[in-house]
């Protein structure tokens, strides 16, 4: 059924599947959450249960979230324009961020009302309809979570994954409300305010956790390891290149990923041949991974006597200090006394706490002791990607 709806909406949105799935998720969430809000608000008002009212307002925030999801995916699906050359996909993160703030706000409001109910407890008017509505709510939220999970897999959306988890969270809160009602029904203990207080804390916790996640998406974080490894696998496939470094990956949305890398090649290559090689690398990465890769050429003087003399010794020195230390852009200035060796040093994440000055002194002392007197000028690269 969901597949049929996706296909129909995709036709409406001219083949943009991501936008279609997001709009479908927003519509289904809007309808189901609105039904849950109206049902719980009605029985919460009639029974005087603050925990049921808190749960109802949580569903109202979910309803608003569905509206934001609709708008977010619609805007994110717009093509690139003059003002936004990288597209609009990051708006999906913005909509998720707004949803997270809304969830947190609802939690804070009901933390206050639950505290009032704890200080001034009152009986909850219970009836069979209360239990029926709460049980149906649990079943609907289970369906919602399954629906969001299925749709998130269709387009690999973190926003829909977070929404699916939020639906499961709602299952837990509704179960807590149901337990509260059952306890008062059988024992007369007025724990409604306490249950509402715990639900409010849980809503606040979930909201803050989602806020932090979307802040990371908006600010930009280290790309997933699988994404880095996939690009590295393609680069390792080319035996003619000497190596590569400074791989940088920039995400402008789930389907809008750009990357750049420095490709090390023999400086004796002709320019047309070097251009042909990096063109083929860029094309293959785009076709296989959907990543727009830009390659920068770094020529290496493989037949230069100074390069042949220094590179092996420097490589050995770095390996003795740490097996993942690597260098690139090596050049030698023999006009100075002693000669000056310039190179960029790729520092692994395991050495992030070691200061540059400390590393510089250690490498210099080790190199001089194993090789010859020289002055080392090191540019430190701490991107921690490759």
Protein backbone atom coordinates (compact mmCIF):
# COMPACT_ATOMS: atom_id res chain seq x y z
CA UNK A 1 0.00 0.00 0.00
CA UNK A 2 2.78 2.42 0.92
CA UNK A 3 4.60 1.54 -2.31
CA UNK A 4 1.51 2.42 -4.37
CA UNK A 5 1.14 5.76 -2.58
CA UNK A 6 4.86 6.52 -3.09
CA UNK A 7 4.59 5.84 -6.82
CA UNK A 8 1.50 8.05 -7.20
CA UNK A 9 3.02 10.97 -5.30
CA UNK A 10 6.33 10.52 -7.16
CA UNK A 11 4.44 10.99 -10.44
CA UNK A 12 2.96 14.18 -9.01
CA UNK A 13 6.41 15.49 -8.02
CA UNK A 14 8.02 14.71 -11.37
CA UNK A 15 10.06 11.73 -10.24
CA UNK A 16 11.52 13.25 -7.06
CA UNK A 17 11.19 10.19 -4.83
CA UNK A 18 12.75 11.78 -1.73
CA UNK A 19 10.26 14.66 -1.77
CA UNK A 20 7.38 12.25 -2.47
CA UNK A 21 8.24 9.95 0.44
CA UNK A 22 8.69 12.92 2.80
CA UNK A 23 5.31 14.38 1.80
CA UNK A 24 3.62 10.98 2.23
CA UNK A 25 5.16 10.62 5.71
CA UNK A 26 3.98 14.12 6.62
CA UNK A 27 0.40 13.49 5.44
CA UNK A 28 0.05 10.12 7.19
CA UNK A 29 1.60 11.51 10.37
CA UNK A 30 -0.60 14.60 10.29
CA UNK A 31 -3.83 12.60 10.02
CA UNK A 32 -2.96 9.95 12.61
CA UNK A 33 -1.51 12.38 15.16
CA UNK A 34 -4.48 14.72 14.84
CA UNK A 35 -6.85 11.83 15.52
CA UNK A 36 -4.82 10.81 18.58
CA UNK A 37 -4.69 14.38 19.91
CA UNK A 38 -8.44 14.91 19.62
CA UNK A 39 -9.22 11.55 21.26
CA UNK A 40 -6.78 11.99 24.16
CA UNK A 41 -7.61 15.65 24.70
CA UNK A 42 -11.30 14.74 25.00
CA UNK A 43 -10.82 11.94 27.52
CA UNK A 44 -8.13 13.93 29.35
CA UNK A 45 -10.50 16.89 29.78
CA UNK A 46 -13.38 14.68 30.93
CA UNK A 47 -11.27 12.64 33.35
CA UNK A 48 -9.09 15.47 34.67
CA UNK A 49 -5.92 13.44 34.06
CA UNK A 50 -2.85 15.61 33.64
CA UNK A 51 -0.82 12.66 32.34
CA UNK A 52 -3.38 11.98 29.59
CA UNK A 53 -3.43 15.71 28.77
CA UNK A 54 0.38 15.70 28.62
CA UNK A 55 0.26 12.73 26.29
CA UNK A 56 -2.40 14.52 24.19
CA UNK A 57 -0.26 17.64 23.88
CA UNK A 58 2.67 15.45 22.91
CA UNK A 59 0.50 14.20 20.03
CA UNK A 60 -0.34 17.80 19.17
CA UNK A 61 3.36 18.55 18.90
CA UNK A 62 3.65 15.47 16.68
CA UNK A 63 0.86 16.93 14.52
CA UNK A 64 2.77 20.18 14.18
CA UNK A 65 5.89 18.15 13.44
CA UNK A 66 4.09 16.45 10.56
CA UNK A 67 3.18 19.85 9.10
CA UNK A 68 6.82 20.91 9.38
CA UNK A 69 7.89 17.61 7.78
CA UNK A 70 5.58 18.32 4.84
CA UNK A 71 6.99 21.82 4.36
CA UNK A 72 10.57 20.69 5.00
CA UNK A 73 10.63 17.95 2.37
CA UNK A 74 8.83 20.16 -0.15
CA UNK A 75 11.42 22.95 0.21
CA UNK A 76 14.33 20.48 0.39
CA UNK A 77 13.17 19.00 -2.91
CA UNK A 78 13.60 22.28 -4.79
CA UNK A 79 16.44 22.27 -7.34
CA UNK A 80 19.55 24.42 -7.02
CA UNK A 81 19.16 28.07 -7.96
CA UNK A 82 21.30 31.21 -8.19
CA UNK A 83 21.19 31.88 -4.44
CA UNK A 84 21.54 28.21 -3.43
CA UNK A 85 23.94 26.58 -5.91
CA UNK A 86 24.23 23.44 -3.76
CA UNK A 87 20.47 22.90 -3.58
CA UNK A 88 18.00 23.08 -0.68
CA UNK A 89 18.38 19.64 0.91
CA UNK A 90 19.73 21.02 4.19
CA UNK A 91 16.27 22.45 4.85
CA UNK A 92 15.36 18.91 5.87
CA UNK A 93 17.75 19.37 8.80
CA UNK A 94 16.21 22.75 9.60
CA UNK A 95 12.71 21.26 9.73
CA UNK A 96 13.98 18.50 12.02
CA UNK A 97 15.62 21.12 14.25
CA UNK A 98 12.35 23.08 14.54
CA UNK A 99 10.47 19.87 15.37
CA UNK A 100 12.98 19.12 18.13
CA UNK A 101 12.52 22.57 19.69
CA UNK A 102 8.75 22.14 19.59
CA UNK A 103 8.97 18.75 21.32
CA UNK A 104 11.20 20.22 24.05
CA UNK A 105 8.86 23.18 24.58
CA UNK A 106 5.86 20.89 25.06
CA UNK A 107 7.84 18.87 27.61
CA UNK A 108 8.73 22.00 29.61
CA UNK A 109 5.11 23.19 29.67
CA UNK A 110 3.83 19.89 31.01
CA UNK A 111 6.63 19.56 33.50
CA UNK A 112 5.11 22.63 35.14
CA UNK A 113 1.49 21.39 35.00
CA UNK A 114 2.52 17.96 36.34
CA UNK A 115 4.32 19.61 39.27
CA UNK A 116 1.13 21.53 40.10
CA UNK A 117 -0.83 18.25 40.02
CA UNK A 118 1.71 16.67 42.40
CA UNK A 119 1.32 19.57 44.86
CA UNK A 120 -2.47 19.58 44.55
CA UNK A 121 -3.58 16.02 43.64
CA UNK A 122 -7.14 15.34 42.51
CA UNK A 123 -9.01 12.23 41.50
CA UNK A 124 -9.07 11.11 37.89
CA UNK A 125 -12.50 10.22 36.50
CA UNK A 126 -11.92 6.90 34.80
CA UNK A 127 -14.15 4.92 32.46
CA UNK A 128 -13.74 2.02 30.02
CA UNK A 129 -13.44 4.49 27.14
CA UNK A 130 -10.20 5.83 28.67
CA UNK A 131 -8.58 2.40 28.47
CA UNK A 132 -9.90 1.76 24.98
CA UNK A 133 -8.50 5.05 23.65
CA UNK A 134 -5.13 4.52 25.30
CA UNK A 135 -4.78 0.96 23.96
CA UNK A 136 -5.78 2.08 20.45
CA UNK A 137 -3.26 4.91 20.77
CA UNK A 138 -0.48 2.43 21.55
CA UNK A 139 -1.41 0.32 18.51
CA UNK A 140 -1.53 3.38 16.24
CA UNK A 141 1.86 4.59 17.45
CA UNK A 142 3.34 1.16 16.73
CA UNK A 143 1.93 1.45 13.21
CA UNK A 144 3.34 4.96 12.89
CA UNK A 145 6.82 3.81 13.91
CA UNK A 146 6.72 0.96 11.39
CA UNK A 147 5.51 3.34 8.68
CA UNK A 148 8.24 5.94 9.38
CA UNK A 149 10.93 3.24 9.51
CA UNK A 150 9.83 1.81 6.17
CA UNK A 151 9.76 5.23 4.52
CA UNK A 152 13.10 6.24 6.06
CA UNK A 153 14.71 3.15 4.51
CA UNK A 154 13.28 4.14 1.14
CA UNK A 155 15.25 7.42 1.13
CA UNK A 156 17.77 6.96 3.97
CA UNK A 157 16.37 9.92 5.92
CA UNK A 158 17.67 10.73 9.41
CA UNK A 159 14.65 13.00 9.94
CA UNK A 160 12.20 10.12 9.39
CA UNK A 161 14.35 7.80 11.50
CA UNK A 162 14.15 10.30 14.35
CA UNK A 163 10.39 10.57 13.83
CA UNK A 164 10.09 6.77 13.96
CA UNK A 165 11.98 6.74 17.26
CA UNK A 166 9.74 9.51 18.56
CA UNK A 167 6.71 7.33 17.78
CA UNK A 168 8.21 4.49 19.81
CA UNK A 169 8.87 6.98 22.62
CA UNK A 170 5.17 7.87 22.49
CA UNK A 171 4.32 4.19 22.94
CA UNK A 172 6.30 4.17 26.18
CA UNK A 173 4.67 7.36 27.46
CA UNK A 174 1.16 6.11 26.65
CA UNK A 175 1.90 2.82 28.42
CA UNK A 176 2.98 4.87 31.45
CA UNK A 177 -0.31 6.79 31.32
CA UNK A 178 -2.24 3.51 31.06
CA UNK A 179 -0.39 2.11 34.08
CA UNK A 180 -1.22 5.29 36.02
CA UNK A 181 -4.92 4.87 35.23
CA UNK A 182 -4.91 1.19 36.18
CA UNK A 183 -3.11 1.86 39.48
CA UNK A 184 -5.65 4.53 40.48
CA UNK A 185 -8.54 2.33 39.34
CA UNK A 186 -7.51 -0.54 41.64
CA UNK A 187 -5.74 1.19 44.54
CA UNK A 188 -6.98 4.77 44.58
CA UNK A 189 -3.40 6.06 44.63
CA UNK A 190 -3.18 9.43 42.91
CA UNK A 191 0.05 9.00 40.96
CA UNK A 192 -1.22 10.82 37.87
CA UNK A 193 0.89 13.92 38.54
CA UNK A 194 4.04 11.86 39.09
CA UNK A 195 3.52 9.89 35.88
CA UNK A 196 2.90 13.15 34.00
CA UNK A 197 6.09 14.56 35.52
CA UNK A 198 8.13 11.56 34.34
CA UNK A 199 6.57 11.74 30.87
CA UNK A 200 7.44 15.45 30.66
CA UNK A 201 11.06 14.73 31.63
CA UNK A 202 11.24 12.03 28.98
CA UNK A 203 9.81 14.38 26.34
CA UNK A 204 12.39 17.05 27.27
CA UNK A 205 15.22 14.50 27.12
CA UNK A 206 14.10 13.27 23.67
CA UNK A 207 13.75 16.84 22.40
CA UNK A 208 17.21 17.92 23.58
CA UNK A 209 18.78 14.79 22.12
CA UNK A 210 17.18 15.50 18.74
CA UNK A 211 18.20 19.18 18.90
CA UNK A 212 21.86 18.21 19.40
CA UNK A 213 21.68 15.75 16.52
CA UNK A 214 20.29 18.28 14.05
CA UNK A 215 22.73 20.96 15.24
CA UNK A 216 25.52 18.57 14.26
CA UNK A 217 23.92 18.05 10.83
CA UNK A 218 23.66 21.81 10.28
CA UNK A 219 27.17 22.60 11.52
CA UNK A 220 28.78 19.73 9.67
CA UNK A 221 30.36 16.71 11.33
CA UNK A 222 32.80 14.00 10.32
CA UNK A 223 31.24 11.96 7.51
CA UNK A 224 30.23 8.36 8.27
CA UNK A 225 33.16 5.95 8.21
CA UNK A 226 31.40 3.84 5.57
CA UNK A 227 31.25 6.89 3.29
CA UNK A 228 34.97 7.60 3.69
CA UNK A 229 35.89 3.95 3.16
CA UNK A 230 33.77 3.76 0.01
CA UNK A 231 35.67 6.66 -1.59
CA UNK A 232 39.01 5.26 -0.42
CA UNK A 233 38.15 1.92 -2.01
CA UNK A 234 37.65 3.62 -5.36
CA UNK A 235 40.91 5.57 -5.03
CA UNK A 236 42.81 2.42 -4.07
CA UNK A 237 41.52 0.86 -7.31
CA UNK A 238 43.87 3.03 -9.40
CA UNK A 239 47.35 1.44 -9.32
CA UNK A 240 48.96 4.14 -11.50
CA UNK A 241 48.62 6.90 -8.92
CA UNK A 242 51.21 7.12 -6.18
CA UNK A 243 48.72 7.90 -3.46
CA UNK A 244 46.22 10.46 -2.24
CA UNK A 245 45.65 12.76 0.73
CA UNK A 246 43.53 15.60 2.07
CA UNK A 247 40.20 13.92 1.34
CA UNK A 248 37.50 16.37 2.43
CA UNK A 249 33.80 15.55 2.30
CA UNK A 250 31.07 18.19 2.51
CA UNK A 251 27.39 17.32 2.86
CA UNK A 252 24.75 19.79 1.71
CA UNK A 253 21.97 17.30 2.34
CA UNK A 254 21.41 13.52 2.30
CA UNK A 255 21.75 13.35 -1.51
CA UNK A 256 24.02 16.34 -2.08
CA UNK A 257 27.59 15.35 -1.22
CA UNK A 258 30.72 17.03 -2.52
CA UNK A 259 34.33 15.97 -1.93
CA UNK A 260 37.85 16.99 -2.85
CA UNK A 261 41.11 15.05 -2.74
CA UNK A 262 44.75 15.52 -3.70
CA UNK A 263 45.98 12.83 -6.09
CA UNK A 264 49.73 12.09 -6.07
CA UNK A 265 51.13 11.35 -9.55
CA UNK A 266 54.50 11.08 -11.25
CA UNK A 267 55.56 14.55 -12.36
CA UNK A 268 56.85 13.07 -15.64
CA UNK A 269 53.29 12.30 -16.73
CA UNK A 270 51.99 14.42 -19.57
CA UNK A 271 49.24 16.85 -18.61
CA UNK A 272 46.65 15.19 -20.92
CA UNK A 273 47.38 11.76 -19.39
CA UNK A 274 47.13 13.09 -15.80
CA UNK A 275 43.89 14.86 -16.70
CA UNK A 276 42.49 11.66 -18.20
CA UNK A 277 43.26 9.70 -15.02
CA UNK A 278 41.62 12.15 -12.60
CA UNK A 279 38.63 12.53 -14.94
CA UNK A 280 38.07 8.78 -14.81
CA UNK A 281 38.36 8.81 -10.99
CA UNK A 282 35.82 11.62 -10.67
CA UNK A 283 33.42 9.94 -13.10
CA UNK A 284 33.56 6.54 -11.38
CA UNK A 285 33.01 8.01 -7.90
CA UNK A 286 30.04 10.03 -9.17
CA UNK A 287 28.47 7.06 -10.94
CA UNK A 288 29.03 4.57 -8.10
CA UNK A 289 28.54 6.71 -4.99
CA UNK A 290 26.70 9.83 -6.18
CA UNK A 291 29.51 12.01 -4.79
CA UNK A 292 30.77 15.03 -6.74
CA UNK A 293 34.53 14.56 -6.36
CA UNK A 294 37.09 17.17 -7.42
CA UNK A 295 40.69 15.94 -7.75
CA UNK A 296 43.76 18.14 -7.35
CA UNK A 297 47.02 16.96 -8.93
CA UNK A 298 50.15 16.73 -6.77
CA UNK A 299 53.20 15.94 -8.96
CA UNK A 300 55.91 13.82 -7.32
CA UNK A 301 59.54 13.83 -8.57
CA UNK A 302 60.02 10.07 -8.39
CA UNK A 303 63.28 10.15 -10.37
CA UNK A 304 64.78 13.10 -8.49
CA UNK A 305 67.94 12.01 -6.59
CA UNK A 306 67.07 14.07 -3.50
CA UNK A 307 63.55 12.63 -3.40
CA UNK A 308 64.91 9.09 -3.74
CA UNK A 309 67.40 9.79 -0.96
CA UNK A 310 65.13 11.42 1.59
CA UNK A 311 61.66 9.91 1.06
CA UNK A 312 62.53 6.34 2.25
CA UNK A 313 64.37 7.63 5.32
CA UNK A 314 61.55 9.98 6.23
CA UNK A 315 58.98 7.23 5.74
CA UNK A 316 60.96 4.94 8.06
CA UNK A 317 61.28 7.70 10.67
CA UNK A 318 57.54 8.34 10.73
CA UNK A 319 56.73 4.62 10.89
CA UNK A 320 59.02 4.22 13.92
CA UNK A 321 57.21 7.02 15.73
CA UNK A 322 53.67 5.94 14.78
CA UNK A 323 52.55 3.49 12.04
CA UNK A 324 49.82 5.83 10.77
CA UNK A 325 51.95 8.95 10.36
CA UNK A 326 52.22 9.86 6.66
CA UNK A 327 53.75 12.67 4.65
CA UNK A 328 53.18 14.33 1.29
CA UNK A 329 54.38 17.33 -0.75
CA UNK A 330 58.03 16.63 0.01
CA UNK A 331 60.60 19.09 -1.35
CA UNK A 332 64.23 19.83 -0.55
CA UNK A 333 66.03 23.17 -0.49
CA UNK A 334 69.77 22.55 -0.86
CA UNK A 335 70.67 26.26 -0.90
CA UNK A 336 70.61 26.35 2.91
CA UNK A 337 73.12 24.90 5.35
CA UNK A 338 72.11 22.38 6.49
CA UNK A 339 69.58 21.56 3.75
CA UNK A 340 65.92 22.28 4.53
CA UNK A 341 63.31 19.56 4.06
CA UNK A 342 59.72 20.71 3.64
CA UNK A 343 56.73 18.35 3.86
CA UNK A 344 53.13 18.07 5.06
CA UNK A 345 52.49 15.62 7.88
CA UNK A 346 49.15 13.78 8.14
CA UNK A 347 48.53 13.28 11.87
CA UNK A 348 46.15 10.41 12.81
CA UNK A 349 43.38 10.92 15.32
CA UNK A 350 45.22 8.72 17.83
CA UNK A 351 47.80 11.51 18.20
CA UNK A 352 45.35 14.40 18.49
CA UNK A 353 46.48 15.16 22.05
CA UNK A 354 50.15 15.38 21.05
CA UNK A 355 51.24 18.97 20.39
CA UNK A 356 52.73 19.96 17.04
CA UNK A 357 55.94 21.19 18.66
CA UNK A 358 56.38 17.87 20.45
CA UNK A 359 55.88 15.89 17.24
CA UNK A 360 58.19 18.20 15.31
CA UNK A 361 61.04 17.78 17.81
CA UNK A 362 60.57 14.01 17.97
CA UNK A 363 60.60 13.59 14.17
CA UNK A 364 63.57 15.92 13.71
CA UNK A 365 65.70 14.20 16.33
CA UNK A 366 64.85 10.73 15.04
CA UNK A 367 65.48 11.65 11.38
CA UNK A 368 68.82 13.32 12.09
CA UNK A 369 69.98 10.42 14.24
CA UNK A 370 69.11 7.89 11.53
CA UNK A 371 69.99 9.89 8.42
CA UNK A 372 71.87 13.19 8.19
CA UNK A 373 71.87 16.72 9.53
CA UNK A 374 68.93 18.68 8.13
CA UNK A 375 66.34 21.27 9.07
CA UNK A 376 62.77 19.97 8.93
CA UNK A 377 59.91 22.38 8.20
CA UNK A 378 56.63 20.55 8.79
CA UNK A 379 53.08 21.63 7.91
CA UNK A 380 50.70 19.68 10.16
CA UNK A 381 47.50 18.24 8.68
CA UNK A 382 44.96 17.29 11.35
CA UNK A 383 41.77 16.79 9.34
CA UNK A 384 41.56 13.18 10.67
CA UNK A 385 39.88 11.93 7.50
CA UNK A 386 42.60 9.90 5.86
